[in-house]
Amino acid sequence: MRGVIRDPAYAGAYDAYAYSQDQAEALRTKLIESGITKDVTIVPAVEAGLLDIVRPTTATPGHERPVDTRTLEERREDKRVENRVRQEKKRAADREEKARNGTLRGRGRPRKQPASSPMV
């Protein structure tokens, strides 16, 4: 935020202009929640000519993103499952490649080889 509104001693009126109702509502919420003021009035500026403009909802018109109704925890759990399955496939592919190359070793630490006798 810029301007005299940042000065705690200022008690006068302050005008801020936004391009849409959404921006104005977001600014109003921010001003109230941050404790800057409790009195915010949203007044549309008809002379600006922006009230009739409809902003596109997506970057590519005609391609609406489907609404995901899952909760955050459900989305995280689904992501964990996807990652687990992906990693299992990758590890299986790595094992198969090592088996083809003849470099596949068993799990764990290799067994200790008996020392050869130096007197032979």
PDB file of N, CA and C in Angstrom:
ATOM      1  N   MET A   1       0.845  -1.168   0.000  1.00  0.00           N
ATOM      2  CA  MET A   1       0.000   0.000   0.000  1.00  0.00           C
ATOM      3  C   MET A   1       0.893   1.235   0.000  1.00  0.00           C
ATOM      4  N   ARG A   2       0.515   2.195  -0.803  1.00  0.00           N
ATOM      5  CA  ARG A   2       1.277   3.432  -0.883  1.00  0.00           C
ATOM      6  C   ARG A   2       0.361   4.595  -0.536  1.00  0.00           C
ATOM      7  N   GLY A   3       0.964   5.694  -0.206  1.00  0.00           N
ATOM      8  CA  GLY A   3       0.202   6.902   0.029  1.00  0.00           C
ATOM      9  C   GLY A   3       0.062   7.228   1.502  1.00  0.00           C
ATOM     10  N   VAL A   4      -0.717   8.270   1.748  1.00  0.00           N
ATOM     11  CA  VAL A   4      -0.892   8.790   3.098  1.00  0.00           C
ATOM     12  C   VAL A   4      -1.674   7.812   3.981  1.00  0.00           C
ATOM     13  N   ILE A   5      -2.333   6.852   3.375  1.00  0.00           N
ATOM     14  CA  ILE A   5      -3.110   5.884   4.147  1.00  0.00           C
ATOM     15  C   ILE A   5      -2.212   5.058   5.075  1.00  0.00           C
ATOM     16  N   ARG A   6      -0.924   4.992   4.784  1.00  0.00           N
ATOM     17  CA  ARG A   6       0.011   4.239   5.622  1.00  0.00           C
ATOM     18  C   ARG A   6       0.352   4.977   6.914  1.00  0.00           C
ATOM     19  N   ASP A   7       0.066   6.268   6.968  1.00  0.00           N
ATOM     20  CA  ASP A   7       0.371   7.069   8.153  1.00  0.00           C
ATOM     21  C   ASP A   7      -0.719   6.853   9.199  1.00  0.00           C
ATOM     22  N   PRO A   8      -0.382   6.298  10.375  1.00  0.00           N
ATOM     23  CA  PRO A   8      -1.403   6.038  11.393  1.00  0.00           C
ATOM     24  C   PRO A   8      -2.097   7.303  11.896  1.00  0.00           C
ATOM     25  N   ALA A   9      -1.452   8.459  11.790  1.00  0.00           N
ATOM     26  CA  ALA A   9      -2.048   9.701  12.274  1.00  0.00           C
ATOM     27  C   ALA A   9      -3.057  10.284  11.289  1.00  0.00           C
ATOM     28  N   TYR A  10      -3.080   9.796  10.053  1.00  0.00           N
ATOM     29  CA  TYR A  10      -3.986  10.336   9.037  1.00  0.00           C
ATOM     30  C   TYR A  10      -5.407   9.857   9.313  1.00  0.00           C
ATOM     31  N   ALA A  11      -6.361  10.788   9.330  1.00  0.00           N
ATOM     32  CA  ALA A  11      -7.752  10.440   9.615  1.00  0.00           C
ATOM     33  C   ALA A  11      -8.695  10.913   8.520  1.00  0.00           C
ATOM     34  N   GLY A  12      -8.159  11.353   7.391  1.00  0.00           N
ATOM     35  CA  GLY A  12      -8.995  11.871   6.321  1.00  0.00           C
ATOM     36  C   GLY A  12      -9.476  10.787   5.372  1.00  0.00           C
ATOM     37  N   ALA A  13     -10.174  11.227   4.336  1.00  0.00           N
ATOM     38  CA  ALA A  13     -10.678  10.303   3.315  1.00  0.00           C
ATOM     39  C   ALA A  13      -9.551   9.954   2.349  1.00  0.00           C
ATOM     40  N   TYR A  14      -9.623   8.764   1.785  1.00  0.00           N
ATOM     41  CA  TYR A  14      -8.601   8.298   0.848  1.00  0.00           C
ATOM     42  C   TYR A  14      -9.308   7.562  -0.274  1.00  0.00           C
ATOM     43  N   ASP A  15      -9.012   7.938  -1.523  1.00  0.00           N
ATOM     44  CA  ASP A  15      -9.632   7.290  -2.678  1.00  0.00           C
ATOM     45  C   ASP A  15      -8.649   6.306  -3.296  1.00  0.00           C
ATOM     46  N   ALA A  16      -9.133   5.096  -3.542  1.00  0.00           N
ATOM     47  CA  ALA A  16      -8.342   4.079  -4.238  1.00  0.00           C
ATOM     48  C   ALA A  16      -9.204   3.574  -5.381  1.00  0.00           C
ATOM     49  N   TYR A  17      -8.607   3.390  -6.551  1.00  0.00           N
ATOM     50  CA  TYR A  17      -9.359   2.988  -7.732  1.00  0.00           C
ATOM     51  C   TYR A  17      -8.968   1.570  -8.134  1.00  0.00           C
ATOM     52  N   ALA A  18      -9.983   0.769  -8.466  1.00  0.00           N
ATOM     53  CA  ALA A  18      -9.757  -0.615  -8.893  1.00  0.00           C
ATOM     54  C   ALA A  18     -10.466  -0.824 -10.225  1.00  0.00           C
ATOM     55  N   TYR A  19     -10.031  -1.846 -10.968  1.00  0.00           N
ATOM     56  CA  TYR A  19     -10.609  -2.115 -12.278  1.00  0.00           C
ATOM     57  C   TYR A  19     -11.865  -2.975 -12.218  1.00  0.00           C
ATOM     58  N   SER A  20     -12.036  -3.718 -11.150  1.00  0.00           N
ATOM     59  CA  SER A  20     -13.194  -4.606 -11.085  1.00  0.00           C
ATOM     60  C   SER A  20     -13.740  -4.651  -9.667  1.00  0.00           C
ATOM     61  N   GLN A  21     -14.942  -5.175  -9.563  1.00  0.00           N
ATOM     62  CA  GLN A  21     -15.588  -5.341  -8.264  1.00  0.00           C
ATOM     63  C   GLN A  21     -14.772  -6.303  -7.396  1.00  0.00           C
ATOM     64  N   ASP A  22     -14.199  -7.336  -8.010  1.00  0.00           N
ATOM     65  CA  ASP A  22     -13.395  -8.306  -7.261  1.00  0.00           C
ATOM     66  C   ASP A  22     -12.182  -7.634  -6.620  1.00  0.00           C
ATOM     67  N   GLN A  23     -11.502  -6.790  -7.396  1.00  0.00           N
ATOM     68  CA  GLN A  23     -10.339  -6.087  -6.855  1.00  0.00           C
ATOM     69  C   GLN A  23     -10.749  -5.154  -5.721  1.00  0.00           C
ATOM     70  N   ALA A  24     -11.870  -4.475  -5.896  1.00  0.00           N
ATOM     71  CA  ALA A  24     -12.343  -3.553  -4.866  1.00  0.00           C
ATOM     72  C   ALA A  24     -12.687  -4.304  -3.584  1.00  0.00           C
ATOM     73  N   GLU A  25     -13.347  -5.454  -3.711  1.00  0.00           N
ATOM     74  CA  GLU A  25     -13.697  -6.256  -2.538  1.00  0.00           C
ATOM     75  C   GLU A  25     -12.438  -6.779  -1.845  1.00  0.00           C
ATOM     76  N   ALA A  26     -11.440  -7.204  -2.624  1.00  0.00           N
ATOM     77  CA  ALA A  26     -10.195  -7.705  -2.040  1.00  0.00           C
ATOM     78  C   ALA A  26      -9.475  -6.590  -1.279  1.00  0.00           C
ATOM     79  N   LEU A  27      -9.453  -5.383  -1.853  1.00  0.00           N
ATOM     80  CA  LEU A  27      -8.821  -4.246  -1.187  1.00  0.00           C
ATOM     81  C   LEU A  27      -9.569  -3.892   0.095  1.00  0.00           C
ATOM     82  N   ARG A  28     -10.878  -3.910   0.027  1.00  0.00           N
ATOM     83  CA  ARG A  28     -11.704  -3.625   1.207  1.00  0.00           C
ATOM     84  C   ARG A  28     -11.389  -4.617   2.323  1.00  0.00           C
ATOM     85  N   THR A  29     -11.339  -5.900   1.986  1.00  0.00           N
ATOM     86  CA  THR A  29     -11.047  -6.940   2.976  1.00  0.00           C
ATOM     87  C   THR A  29      -9.668  -6.741   3.586  1.00  0.00           C
ATOM     88  N   LYS A  30      -8.688  -6.412   2.750  1.00  0.00           N
ATOM     89  CA  LYS A  30      -7.321  -6.215   3.237  1.00  0.00           C
ATOM     90  C   LYS A  30      -7.241  -5.026   4.190  1.00  0.00           C
ATOM     91  N   LEU A  31      -7.902  -3.933   3.844  1.00  0.00           N
ATOM     92  CA  LEU A  31      -7.864  -2.744   4.694  1.00  0.00           C
ATOM     93  C   LEU A  31      -8.511  -3.004   6.049  1.00  0.00           C
ATOM     94  N   ILE A  32      -9.602  -3.732   6.050  1.00  0.00           N
ATOM     95  CA  ILE A  32     -10.301  -4.012   7.305  1.00  0.00           C
ATOM     96  C   ILE A  32      -9.523  -5.020   8.146  1.00  0.00           C
ATOM     97  N   GLU A  33      -9.054  -6.112   7.516  1.00  0.00           N
ATOM     98  CA  GLU A  33      -8.354  -7.158   8.269  1.00  0.00           C
ATOM     99  C   GLU A  33      -7.009  -6.693   8.814  1.00  0.00           C
ATOM    100  N   SER A  34      -6.346  -5.779   8.118  1.00  0.00           N
ATOM    101  CA  SER A  34      -5.048  -5.307   8.596  1.00  0.00           C
ATOM    102  C   SER A  34      -5.189  -4.203   9.637  1.00  0.00           C
ATOM    103  N   GLY A  35      -6.406  -3.765   9.902  1.00  0.00           N
ATOM    104  CA  GLY A  35      -6.636  -2.772  10.934  1.00  0.00           C
ATOM    105  C   GLY A  35      -6.367  -1.346  10.502  1.00  0.00           C
ATOM    106  N   ILE A  36      -6.225  -1.101   9.218  1.00  0.00           N
ATOM    107  CA  ILE A  36      -5.977   0.257   8.736  1.00  0.00           C
ATOM    108  C   ILE A  36      -7.225   1.110   8.919  1.00  0.00           C
ATOM    109  N   THR A  37      -8.373   0.548   8.608  1.00  0.00           N
ATOM    110  CA  THR A  37      -9.635   1.261   8.775  1.00  0.00           C
ATOM    111  C   THR A  37     -10.769   0.264   8.903  1.00  0.00           C
ATOM    112  N   LYS A  38     -11.878   0.728   9.440  1.00  0.00           N
ATOM    113  CA  LYS A  38     -13.073  -0.111   9.515  1.00  0.00           C
ATOM    114  C   LYS A  38     -14.177   0.433   8.623  1.00  0.00           C
ATOM    115  N   ASP A  39     -13.941   1.608   8.032  1.00  0.00           N
ATOM    116  CA  ASP A  39     -14.948   2.265   7.204  1.00  0.00           C
ATOM    117  C   ASP A  39     -14.464   2.313   5.756  1.00  0.00           C
ATOM    118  N   VAL A  40     -14.950   1.372   4.943  1.00  0.00           N
ATOM    119  CA  VAL A  40     -14.589   1.323   3.526  1.00  0.00           C
ATOM    120  C   VAL A  40     -15.876   1.346   2.720  1.00  0.00           C
ATOM    121  N   THR A  41     -15.958   2.279   1.787  1.00  0.00           N
ATOM    122  CA  THR A  41     -17.122   2.384   0.919  1.00  0.00           C
ATOM    123  C   THR A  41     -16.678   2.133  -0.512  1.00  0.00           C
ATOM    124  N   ILE A  42     -17.367   1.216  -1.177  1.00  0.00           N
ATOM    125  CA  ILE A  42     -17.057   0.922  -2.576  1.00  0.00           C
ATOM    126  C   ILE A  42     -18.058   1.674  -3.441  1.00  0.00           C
ATOM    127  N   VAL A  43     -17.535   2.566  -4.288  1.00  0.00           N
ATOM    128  CA  VAL A  43     -18.374   3.381  -5.157  1.00  0.00           C
ATOM    129  C   VAL A  43     -17.928   3.152  -6.594  1.00  0.00           C
ATOM    130  N   PRO A  44     -18.815   2.673  -7.471  1.00  0.00           N
ATOM    131  CA  PRO A  44     -18.414   2.463  -8.865  1.00  0.00           C
ATOM    132  C   PRO A  44     -18.240   3.801  -9.586  1.00  0.00           C
ATOM    133  N   ALA A  45     -17.206   3.900 -10.401  1.00  0.00           N
ATOM    134  CA  ALA A  45     -16.947   5.102 -11.193  1.00  0.00           C
ATOM    135  C   ALA A  45     -17.492   4.860 -12.598  1.00  0.00           C
ATOM    136  N   VAL A  46     -18.700   5.315 -12.856  1.00  0.00           N
ATOM    137  CA  VAL A  46     -19.369   5.084 -14.134  1.00  0.00           C
ATOM    138  C   VAL A  46     -18.628   5.778 -15.269  1.00  0.00           C
ATOM    139  N   GLU A  47     -18.055   6.952 -15.004  1.00  0.00           N
ATOM    140  CA  GLU A  47     -17.385   7.714 -16.057  1.00  0.00           C
ATOM    141  C   GLU A  47     -16.134   7.010 -16.588  1.00  0.00           C
ATOM    142  N   ALA A  48     -15.605   6.054 -15.865  1.00  0.00           N
ATOM    143  CA  ALA A  48     -14.420   5.322 -16.344  1.00  0.00           C
ATOM    144  C   ALA A  48     -14.779   4.370 -17.473  1.00  0.00           C
ATOM    145  N   GLY A  49     -16.024   3.941 -17.547  1.00  0.00           N
ATOM    146  CA  GLY A  49     -16.471   3.066 -18.628  1.00  0.00           C
ATOM    147  C   GLY A  49     -16.042   1.617 -18.479  1.00  0.00           C
ATOM    148  N   LEU A  50     -15.674   1.214 -17.288  1.00  0.00           N
ATOM    149  CA  LEU A  50     -15.207  -0.153 -17.077  1.00  0.00           C
ATOM    150  C   LEU A  50     -16.294  -1.094 -16.565  1.00  0.00           C
ATOM    151  N   LEU A  51     -17.456  -0.561 -16.230  1.00  0.00           N
ATOM    152  CA  LEU A  51     -18.507  -1.402 -15.660  1.00  0.00           C
ATOM    153  C   LEU A  51     -19.086  -2.377 -16.673  1.00  0.00           C
ATOM    154  N   ASP A  52     -19.067  -2.023 -17.957  1.00  0.00           N
ATOM    155  CA  ASP A  52     -19.667  -2.878 -18.978  1.00  0.00           C
ATOM    156  C   ASP A  52     -18.696  -3.923 -19.518  1.00  0.00           C
ATOM    157  N   ILE A  53     -17.423  -3.816 -19.179  1.00  0.00           N
ATOM    158  CA  ILE A  53     -16.419  -4.743 -19.698  1.00  0.00           C
ATOM    159  C   ILE A  53     -16.460  -6.040 -18.896  1.00  0.00           C
ATOM    160  N   VAL A  54     -16.501  -7.154 -19.624  1.00  0.00           N
ATOM    161  CA  VAL A  54     -16.472  -8.464 -18.979  1.00  0.00           C
ATOM    162  C   VAL A  54     -15.089  -9.054 -19.202  1.00  0.00           C
ATOM    163  N   ARG A  55     -14.395  -9.326 -18.126  1.00  0.00           N
ATOM    164  CA  ARG A  55     -13.048  -9.891 -18.228  1.00  0.00           C
ATOM    165  C   ARG A  55     -13.134 -11.385 -18.487  1.00  0.00           C
ATOM    166  N   PRO A  56     -12.230 -11.941 -19.302  1.00  0.00           N
ATOM    167  CA  PRO A  56     -12.246 -13.387 -19.537  1.00  0.00           C
ATOM    168  C   PRO A  56     -11.918 -14.135 -18.248  1.00  0.00           C
ATOM    169  N   THR A  57     -12.545 -15.303 -18.097  1.00  0.00           N
ATOM    170  CA  THR A  57     -12.337 -16.074 -16.874  1.00  0.00           C
ATOM    171  C   THR A  57     -11.058 -16.895 -16.925  1.00  0.00           C
ATOM    172  N   THR A  58     -10.585 -17.242 -18.122  1.00  0.00           N
ATOM    173  CA  THR A  58      -9.355 -18.021 -18.245  1.00  0.00           C
ATOM    174  C   THR A  58      -8.437 -17.356 -19.257  1.00  0.00           C
ATOM    175  N   ALA A  59      -7.200 -17.785 -19.281  1.00  0.00           N
ATOM    176  CA  ALA A  59      -6.235 -17.230 -20.228  1.00  0.00           C
ATOM    177  C   ALA A  59      -6.575 -17.643 -21.655  1.00  0.00           C
ATOM    178  N   THR A  60      -7.171 -18.817 -21.815  1.00  0.00           N
ATOM    179  CA  THR A  60      -7.579 -19.295 -23.133  1.00  0.00           C
ATOM    180  C   THR A  60      -9.102 -19.396 -23.142  1.00  0.00           C
ATOM    181  N   PRO A  61      -9.778 -18.440 -23.749  1.00  0.00           N
ATOM    182  CA  PRO A  61     -11.238 -18.449 -23.746  1.00  0.00           C
ATOM    183  C   PRO A  61     -11.791 -19.734 -24.353  1.00  0.00           C
ATOM    184  N   GLY A  62     -12.858 -20.227 -23.771  1.00  0.00           N
ATOM    185  CA  GLY A  62     -13.494 -21.439 -24.268  1.00  0.00           C
ATOM    186  C   GLY A  62     -12.966 -22.703 -23.618  1.00  0.00           C
ATOM    187  N   HIS A  63     -11.925 -22.588 -22.828  1.00  0.00           N
ATOM    188  CA  HIS A  63     -11.349 -23.752 -22.154  1.00  0.00           C
ATOM    189  C   HIS A  63     -11.482 -23.555 -20.648  1.00  0.00           C
ATOM    190  N   GLU A  64     -12.625 -23.896 -20.122  1.00  0.00           N
ATOM    191  CA  GLU A  64     -12.856 -23.743 -18.695  1.00  0.00           C
ATOM    192  C   GLU A  64     -12.206 -24.890 -17.939  1.00  0.00           C
ATOM    193  N   ARG A  65     -11.559 -24.587 -16.861  1.00  0.00           N
ATOM    194  CA  ARG A  65     -10.942 -25.602 -16.019  1.00  0.00           C
ATOM    195  C   ARG A  65     -12.038 -26.253 -15.175  1.00  0.00           C
ATOM    196  N   PRO A  66     -12.060 -27.584 -15.118  1.00  0.00           N
ATOM    197  CA  PRO A  66     -13.078 -28.232 -14.294  1.00  0.00           C
ATOM    198  C   PRO A  66     -12.834 -27.930 -12.811  1.00  0.00           C
ATOM    199  N   VAL A  67     -13.910 -27.775 -12.074  1.00  0.00           N
ATOM    200  CA  VAL A  67     -13.813 -27.450 -10.660  1.00  0.00           C
ATOM    201  C   VAL A  67     -13.498 -28.724  -9.880  1.00  0.00           C
ATOM    202  N   ASP A  68     -12.465 -28.673  -9.064  1.00  0.00           N
ATOM    203  CA  ASP A  68     -12.071 -29.813  -8.244  1.00  0.00           C
ATOM    204  C   ASP A  68     -12.784 -29.696  -6.905  1.00  0.00           C
ATOM    205  N   THR A  69     -13.652 -30.650  -6.599  1.00  0.00           N
ATOM    206  CA  THR A  69     -14.451 -30.584  -5.377  1.00  0.00           C
ATOM    207  C   THR A  69     -13.803 -31.327  -4.220  1.00  0.00           C
ATOM    208  N   ARG A  70     -12.622 -31.916  -4.455  1.00  0.00           N
ATOM    209  CA  ARG A  70     -11.954 -32.645  -3.380  1.00  0.00           C
ATOM    210  C   ARG A  70     -11.358 -31.673  -2.366  1.00  0.00           C
ATOM    211  N   THR A  71     -11.214 -32.143  -1.135  1.00  0.00           N
ATOM    212  CA  THR A  71     -10.588 -31.322  -0.108  1.00  0.00           C
ATOM    213  C   THR A  71      -9.080 -31.326  -0.314  1.00  0.00           C
ATOM    214  N   LEU A  72      -8.405 -30.431   0.369  1.00  0.00           N
ATOM    215  CA  LEU A  72      -6.951 -30.339   0.258  1.00  0.00           C
ATOM    216  C   LEU A  72      -6.302 -31.650   0.682  1.00  0.00           C
ATOM    217  N   GLU A  73      -6.786 -32.252   1.757  1.00  0.00           N
ATOM    218  CA  GLU A  73      -6.209 -33.512   2.237  1.00  0.00           C
ATOM    219  C   GLU A  73      -6.432 -34.636   1.228  1.00  0.00           C
ATOM    220  N   GLU A  74      -7.588 -34.659   0.579  1.00  0.00           N
ATOM    221  CA  GLU A  74      -7.847 -35.681  -0.442  1.00  0.00           C
ATOM    222  C   GLU A  74      -6.906 -35.504  -1.636  1.00  0.00           C
ATOM    223  N   ARG A  75      -6.681 -34.260  -2.045  1.00  0.00           N
ATOM    224  CA  ARG A  75      -5.764 -34.006  -3.163  1.00  0.00           C
ATOM    225  C   ARG A  75      -4.343 -34.413  -2.800  1.00  0.00           C
ATOM    226  N   ARG A  76      -3.930 -34.129  -1.568  1.00  0.00           N
ATOM    227  CA  ARG A  76      -2.586 -34.516  -1.132  1.00  0.00           C
ATOM    228  C   ARG A  76      -2.439 -36.038  -1.099  1.00  0.00           C
ATOM    229  N   GLU A  77      -3.456 -36.726  -0.606  1.00  0.00           N
ATOM    230  CA  GLU A  77      -3.408 -38.192  -0.550  1.00  0.00           C
ATOM    231  C   GLU A  77      -3.344 -38.779  -1.957  1.00  0.00           C
ATOM    232  N   ASP A  78      -4.128 -38.240  -2.884  1.00  0.00           N
ATOM    233  CA  ASP A  78      -4.093 -38.714  -4.268  1.00  0.00           C
ATOM    234  C   ASP A  78      -2.711 -38.484  -4.877  1.00  0.00           C
ATOM    235  N   LYS A  79      -2.103 -37.348  -4.571  1.00  0.00           N
ATOM    236  CA  LYS A  79      -0.768 -37.040  -5.086  1.00  0.00           C
ATOM    237  C   LYS A  79       0.255 -38.025  -4.520  1.00  0.00           C
ATOM    238  N   ARG A  80       0.123 -38.362  -3.218  1.00  0.00           N
ATOM    239  CA  ARG A  80       1.029 -39.338  -2.607  1.00  0.00           C
ATOM    240  C   ARG A  80       0.920 -40.688  -3.299  1.00  0.00           C
ATOM    241  N   VAL A  81      -0.315 -41.115  -3.590  1.00  0.00           N
ATOM    242  CA  VAL A  81      -0.530 -42.402  -4.253  1.00  0.00           C
ATOM    243  C   VAL A  81       0.084 -42.377  -5.651  1.00  0.00           C
ATOM    244  N   GLU A  82      -0.147 -41.306  -6.396  1.00  0.00           N
ATOM    245  CA  GLU A  82       0.426 -41.180  -7.741  1.00  0.00           C
ATOM    246  C   GLU A  82       1.951 -41.234  -7.692  1.00  0.00           C
ATOM    247  N   ASN A  83       2.544 -40.528  -6.738  1.00  0.00           N
ATOM    248  CA  ASN A  83       4.002 -40.524  -6.613  1.00  0.00           C
ATOM    249  C   ASN A  83       4.527 -41.907  -6.245  1.00  0.00           C
ATOM    250  N   ARG A  84       3.816 -42.614  -5.352  1.00  0.00           N
ATOM    251  CA  ARG A  84       4.245 -43.951  -4.952  1.00  0.00           C
ATOM    252  C   ARG A  84       4.228 -44.900  -6.137  1.00  0.00           C
ATOM    253  N   VAL A  85       3.136 -44.881  -6.910  1.00  0.00           N
ATOM    254  CA  VAL A  85       3.015 -45.764  -8.073  1.00  0.00           C
ATOM    255  C   VAL A  85       4.087 -45.431  -9.109  1.00  0.00           C
ATOM    256  N   ARG A  86       4.312 -44.149  -9.356  1.00  0.00           N
ATOM    257  CA  ARG A  86       5.328 -43.725 -10.317  1.00  0.00           C
ATOM    258  C   ARG A  86       6.710 -44.199  -9.894  1.00  0.00           C
ATOM    259  N   GLN A  87       7.032 -44.050  -8.611  1.00  0.00           N
ATOM    260  CA  GLN A  87       8.353 -44.446  -8.118  1.00  0.00           C
ATOM    261  C   GLN A  87       8.521 -45.967  -8.161  1.00  0.00           C
ATOM    262  N   GLU A  88       7.460 -46.723  -7.872  1.00  0.00           N
ATOM    263  CA  GLU A  88       7.536 -48.188  -7.957  1.00  0.00           C
ATOM    264  C   GLU A  88       7.844 -48.625  -9.384  1.00  0.00           C
ATOM    265  N   LYS A  89       7.194 -47.995 -10.362  1.00  0.00           N
ATOM    266  CA  LYS A  89       7.452 -48.327 -11.769  1.00  0.00           C
ATOM    267  C   LYS A  89       8.896 -48.003 -12.149  1.00  0.00           C
ATOM    268  N   LYS A  90       9.392 -46.862 -11.686  1.00  0.00           N
ATOM    269  CA  LYS A  90      10.765 -46.461 -11.998  1.00  0.00           C
ATOM    270  C   LYS A  90      11.756 -47.448 -11.398  1.00  0.00           C
ATOM    271  N   ARG A  91      11.538 -47.858 -10.154  1.00  0.00           N
ATOM    272  CA  ARG A  91      12.453 -48.803  -9.507  1.00  0.00           C
ATOM    273  C   ARG A  91      12.413 -50.158 -10.203  1.00  0.00           C
ATOM    274  N   ALA A  92      11.221 -50.602 -10.622  1.00  0.00           N
ATOM    275  CA  ALA A  92      11.110 -51.879 -11.337  1.00  0.00           C
ATOM    276  C   ALA A  92      11.859 -51.807 -12.665  1.00  0.00           C
ATOM    277  N   ALA A  93      11.732 -50.689 -13.372  1.00  0.00           N
ATOM    278  CA  ALA A  93      12.438 -50.527 -14.647  1.00  0.00           C
ATOM    279  C   ALA A  93      13.949 -50.523 -14.424  1.00  0.00           C
ATOM    280  N   ASP A  94      14.407 -49.867 -13.356  1.00  0.00           N
ATOM    281  CA  ASP A  94      15.842 -49.858 -13.049  1.00  0.00           C
ATOM    282  C   ASP A  94      16.341 -51.267 -12.733  1.00  0.00           C
ATOM    283  N   ARG A  95      15.549 -52.054 -11.971  1.00  0.00           N
ATOM    284  CA  ARG A  95      15.924 -53.435 -11.652  1.00  0.00           C
ATOM    285  C   ARG A  95      16.031 -54.279 -12.911  1.00  0.00           C
ATOM    286  N   GLU A  96      15.049 -54.135 -13.813  1.00  0.00           N
ATOM    287  CA  GLU A  96      15.066 -54.901 -15.060  1.00  0.00           C
ATOM    288  C   GLU A  96      16.295 -54.551 -15.903  1.00  0.00           C
ATOM    289  N   GLU A  97      16.636 -53.278 -15.956  1.00  0.00           N
ATOM    290  CA  GLU A  97      17.804 -52.859 -16.736  1.00  0.00           C
ATOM    291  C   GLU A  97      19.084 -53.443 -16.147  1.00  0.00           C
ATOM    292  N   LYS A  98      19.206 -53.426 -14.811  1.00  0.00           N
ATOM    293  CA  LYS A  98      20.390 -53.998 -14.174  1.00  0.00           C
ATOM    294  C   LYS A  98      20.445 -55.510 -14.400  1.00  0.00           C
ATOM    295  N   ALA A  99      19.273 -56.177 -14.408  1.00  0.00           N
ATOM    296  CA  ALA A  99      19.243 -57.622 -14.654  1.00  0.00           C
ATOM    297  C   ALA A  99      19.708 -57.918 -16.078  1.00  0.00           C
ATOM    298  N   ARG A 100      19.285 -57.109 -17.040  1.00  0.00           N
ATOM    299  CA  ARG A 100      19.723 -57.296 -18.432  1.00  0.00           C
ATOM    300  C   ARG A 100      21.228 -57.082 -18.576  1.00  0.00           C
ATOM    301  N   ASN A 101      21.760 -56.115 -17.832  1.00  0.00           N
ATOM    302  CA  ASN A 101      23.191 -55.810 -17.910  1.00  0.00           C
ATOM    303  C   ASN A 101      24.044 -56.765 -17.077  1.00  0.00           C
ATOM    304  N   GLY A 102      23.399 -57.570 -16.233  1.00  0.00           N
ATOM    305  CA  GLY A 102      24.139 -58.491 -15.376  1.00  0.00           C
ATOM    306  C   GLY A 102      24.743 -57.836 -14.157  1.00  0.00           C
ATOM    307  N   THR A 103      24.250 -56.668 -13.781  1.00  0.00           N
ATOM    308  CA  THR A 103      24.798 -55.963 -12.616  1.00  0.00           C
ATOM    309  C   THR A 103      23.825 -55.937 -11.447  1.00  0.00           C
ATOM    310  N   LEU A 104      22.766 -56.747 -11.516  1.00  0.00           N
ATOM    311  CA  LEU A 104      21.764 -56.767 -10.442  1.00  0.00           C
ATOM    312  C   LEU A 104      22.337 -57.481  -9.237  1.00  0.00           C
ATOM    313  N   ARG A 105      22.295 -56.852  -8.106  1.00  0.00           N
ATOM    314  CA  ARG A 105      22.778 -57.440  -6.864  1.00  0.00           C
ATOM    315  C   ARG A 105      21.616 -57.575  -5.910  1.00  0.00           C
ATOM    316  N   GLY A 106      21.765 -58.471  -4.950  1.00  0.00           N
ATOM    317  CA  GLY A 106      20.723 -58.681  -3.953  1.00  0.00           C
ATOM    318  C   GLY A 106      20.644 -57.519  -2.981  1.00  0.00           C
ATOM    319  N   ARG A 107      19.599 -57.561  -2.155  1.00  0.00           N
ATOM    320  CA  ARG A 107      19.421 -56.510  -1.161  1.00  0.00           C
ATOM    321  C   ARG A 107      20.448 -56.647  -0.053  1.00  0.00           C
ATOM    322  N   GLY A 108      20.745 -55.568   0.595  1.00  0.00           N
ATOM    323  CA  GLY A 108      21.596 -55.577   1.778  1.00  0.00           C
ATOM    324  C   GLY A 108      23.081 -55.538   1.463  1.00  0.00           C
ATOM    325  N   ARG A 109      23.850 -55.693   2.524  1.00  0.00           N
ATOM    326  CA  ARG A 109      25.308 -55.625   2.413  1.00  0.00           C
ATOM    327  C   ARG A 109      25.835 -56.932   1.818  1.00  0.00           C
ATOM    328  N   PRO A 110      26.807 -56.853   0.925  1.00  0.00           N
ATOM    329  CA  PRO A 110      27.383 -58.080   0.362  1.00  0.00           C
ATOM    330  C   PRO A 110      28.072 -58.902   1.453  1.00  0.00           C
ATOM    331  N   ARG A 111      28.011 -60.229   1.292  1.00  0.00           N
ATOM    332  CA  ARG A 111      28.653 -61.102   2.271  1.00  0.00           C
ATOM    333  C   ARG A 111      30.170 -60.933   2.197  1.00  0.00           C
ATOM    334  N   LYS A 112      30.770 -61.143   3.350  1.00  0.00           N
ATOM    335  CA  LYS A 112      32.223 -61.028   3.438  1.00  0.00           C
ATOM    336  C   LYS A 112      32.859 -62.221   2.728  1.00  0.00           C
ATOM    337  N   GLN A 113      33.813 -61.944   1.874  1.00  0.00           N
ATOM    338  CA  GLN A 113      34.515 -63.004   1.152  1.00  0.00           C
ATOM    339  C   GLN A 113      35.640 -63.540   2.042  1.00  0.00           C
ATOM    340  N   PRO A 114      35.819 -64.875   2.058  1.00  0.00           N
ATOM    341  CA  PRO A 114      36.922 -65.403   2.877  1.00  0.00           C
ATOM    342  C   PRO A 114      38.261 -64.913   2.319  1.00  0.00           C
ATOM    343  N   ALA A 115      39.149 -64.578   3.232  1.00  0.00           N
ATOM    344  CA  ALA A 115      40.465 -64.079   2.821  1.00  0.00           C
ATOM    345  C   ALA A 115      41.275 -65.223   2.234  1.00  0.00           C
ATOM    346  N   SER A 116      41.948 -64.956   1.154  1.00  0.00           N
ATOM    347  CA  SER A 116      42.795 -65.989   0.553  1.00  0.00           C
ATOM    348  C   SER A 116      44.115 -66.058   1.315  1.00  0.00           C
ATOM    349  N   SER A 117      44.662 -67.233   1.414  1.00  0.00           N
ATOM    350  CA  SER A 117      45.890 -67.435   2.175  1.00  0.00           C
ATOM    351  C   SER A 117      47.083 -66.896   1.391  1.00  0.00           C
ATOM    352  N   PRO A 118      47.923 -66.060   1.991  1.00  0.00           N
ATOM    353  CA  PRO A 118      49.067 -65.510   1.271  1.00  0.00           C
ATOM    354  C   PRO A 118      50.189 -66.532   1.091  1.00  0.00           C
ATOM    355  N   MET A 119      50.136 -67.681   1.756  1.00  0.00           N
ATOM    356  CA  MET A 119      51.219 -68.652   1.675  1.00  0.00           C
ATOM    357  C   MET A 119      51.044 -69.640   0.544  1.00  0.00           C
ATOM    358  N   VAL A 120      50.060 -69.569  -0.192  1.00  0.00           N
ATOM    359  CA  VAL A 120      49.828 -70.549  -1.256  1.00  0.00           C
ATOM    360  C   VAL A 120      50.674 -70.282  -2.438  1.00  0.00           C
TER     361      VAL A 120
END
